[in-house]
């Protein structure tokens, strides 16, 4: 669909609910990092996510999200990710070797 309609398009999901899909890298960066608080989840999307994920960073909005993200930011710094990369890669290497 992205090849036909471009980097952002609408479609109807399950139960004919309108959805917006974003596949363009620049737009995704803007949505997720630059203007993330301009994009609020619908009440239906929030309720759906909470059923599976509970209350947390992925379901929070506004000030609650800012607070949670600020607390978690150090764990996702370049150095923090770099330090756990070998631990994360180990199961992947094991799986590759078994195939």
Protein backbone atom coordinates (compact mmCIF):
# COMPACT_ATOMS: atom_id res chain seq x y z
CA UNK A 1 0.00 0.00 0.00
CA UNK A 2 2.83 2.38 0.80
CA UNK A 3 4.16 1.99 -2.76
CA UNK A 4 0.75 2.92 -4.13
CA UNK A 5 -0.40 5.61 -1.68
CA UNK A 6 2.86 7.05 -0.34
CA UNK A 7 4.34 7.44 3.13
CA UNK A 8 1.08 8.24 4.90
CA UNK A 9 -2.37 6.90 4.07
CA UNK A 10 -5.68 6.00 5.64
CA UNK A 11 -7.47 2.68 5.50
CA UNK A 12 -10.28 0.91 7.30
CA UNK A 13 -9.21 -1.69 9.85
CA UNK A 14 -11.21 -4.32 11.69
CA UNK A 15 -14.85 -3.39 12.25
CA UNK A 16 -14.43 -0.72 9.55
CA UNK A 17 -12.56 1.59 11.96
CA UNK A 18 -10.53 4.26 10.11
CA UNK A 19 -6.76 3.96 10.60
CA UNK A 20 -3.76 6.04 9.58
CA UNK A 21 -0.58 4.27 8.48
CA UNK A 22 2.78 6.06 8.38
CA UNK A 23 5.65 4.37 6.55
CA UNK A 24 7.85 7.36 5.71
CA UNK A 25 11.01 7.51 7.88
CA UNK A 26 11.02 11.30 8.16
CA UNK A 27 7.35 11.43 9.16
CA UNK A 28 7.82 8.62 11.68
CA UNK A 29 10.72 10.46 13.30
CA UNK A 30 8.63 13.63 13.53
CA UNK A 31 5.69 11.76 15.06
CA UNK A 32 7.74 9.70 17.51
CA UNK A 33 10.37 12.22 18.60
CA UNK A 34 9.80 15.80 17.46
CA UNK A 35 6.08 16.36 17.97
CA UNK A 36 5.10 13.23 19.86
CA UNK A 37 2.64 15.03 22.13
CA UNK A 38 0.65 16.38 19.16
CA UNK A 39 -0.53 12.86 18.33
CA UNK A 40 -3.02 11.59 20.90
CA UNK A 41 -4.36 8.05 20.76
CA UNK A 42 -8.11 7.68 20.38
CA UNK A 43 -9.98 6.41 23.44
CA UNK A 44 -10.64 3.16 21.55
CA UNK A 45 -6.94 2.68 20.75
CA UNK A 46 -5.97 3.43 24.35
CA UNK A 47 -8.53 0.96 25.71
CA UNK A 48 -7.39 -1.73 23.26
CA UNK A 49 -3.71 -1.28 24.15
CA UNK A 50 -4.41 -1.26 27.89
CA UNK A 51 -6.15 -4.63 27.61
CA UNK A 52 -2.89 -6.20 26.44
CA UNK A 53 -0.18 -3.92 27.83
CA UNK A 54 -1.70 -2.51 31.01
CA UNK A 55 -0.93 1.02 32.16
CA UNK A 56 2.56 2.13 31.22
CA UNK A 57 4.71 4.09 28.81
CA UNK A 58 3.08 2.70 25.67
CA UNK A 59 -0.42 3.58 26.82
CA UNK A 60 0.22 6.81 28.77
CA UNK A 61 -0.52 10.26 27.35
CA UNK A 62 0.53 13.82 28.13
CA UNK A 63 2.23 14.61 31.43
CA UNK A 64 2.11 11.00 32.62
CA UNK A 65 3.94 9.88 29.48
CA UNK A 66 6.52 12.68 29.83
CA UNK A 67 7.24 11.65 33.41
CA UNK A 68 7.55 7.93 32.60
CA UNK A 69 9.70 8.60 29.54
CA UNK A 70 12.03 10.88 31.50
CA UNK A 71 12.54 8.15 34.10
CA UNK A 72 13.27 5.50 31.45
CA UNK A 73 15.48 7.58 29.12
CA UNK A 74 18.79 6.60 30.79
CA UNK A 75 18.06 2.92 30.13
CA UNK A 76 17.77 3.63 26.40
CA UNK A 77 20.87 5.78 25.96
CA UNK A 78 23.44 4.72 23.37
CA UNK A 79 25.85 3.53 26.07
CA UNK A 80 23.17 1.56 27.91
CA UNK A 81 22.05 -0.21 24.72
CA UNK A 82 25.65 -0.82 23.67
CA UNK A 83 26.41 -2.45 27.02
CA UNK A 84 23.58 -5.00 26.71
CA UNK A 85 24.00 -5.69 23.00
CA UNK A 86 26.13 -8.84 23.53
CA UNK A 87 23.51 -10.20 25.91
CA UNK A 88 20.74 -9.50 23.39
CA UNK A 89 22.71 -10.96 20.48
CA UNK A 90 23.57 -14.23 22.24
CA UNK A 91 20.13 -15.92 21.75
CA UNK A 92 20.11 -14.79 18.13
CA UNK A 93 23.50 -16.32 17.49
CA UNK A 94 22.42 -19.54 19.20
CA UNK A 95 19.30 -19.73 17.03
CA UNK A 96 21.30 -19.02 13.87
CA UNK A 97 23.76 -21.80 14.72
CA UNK A 98 20.94 -24.31 15.33
CA UNK A 99 19.45 -23.68 11.89
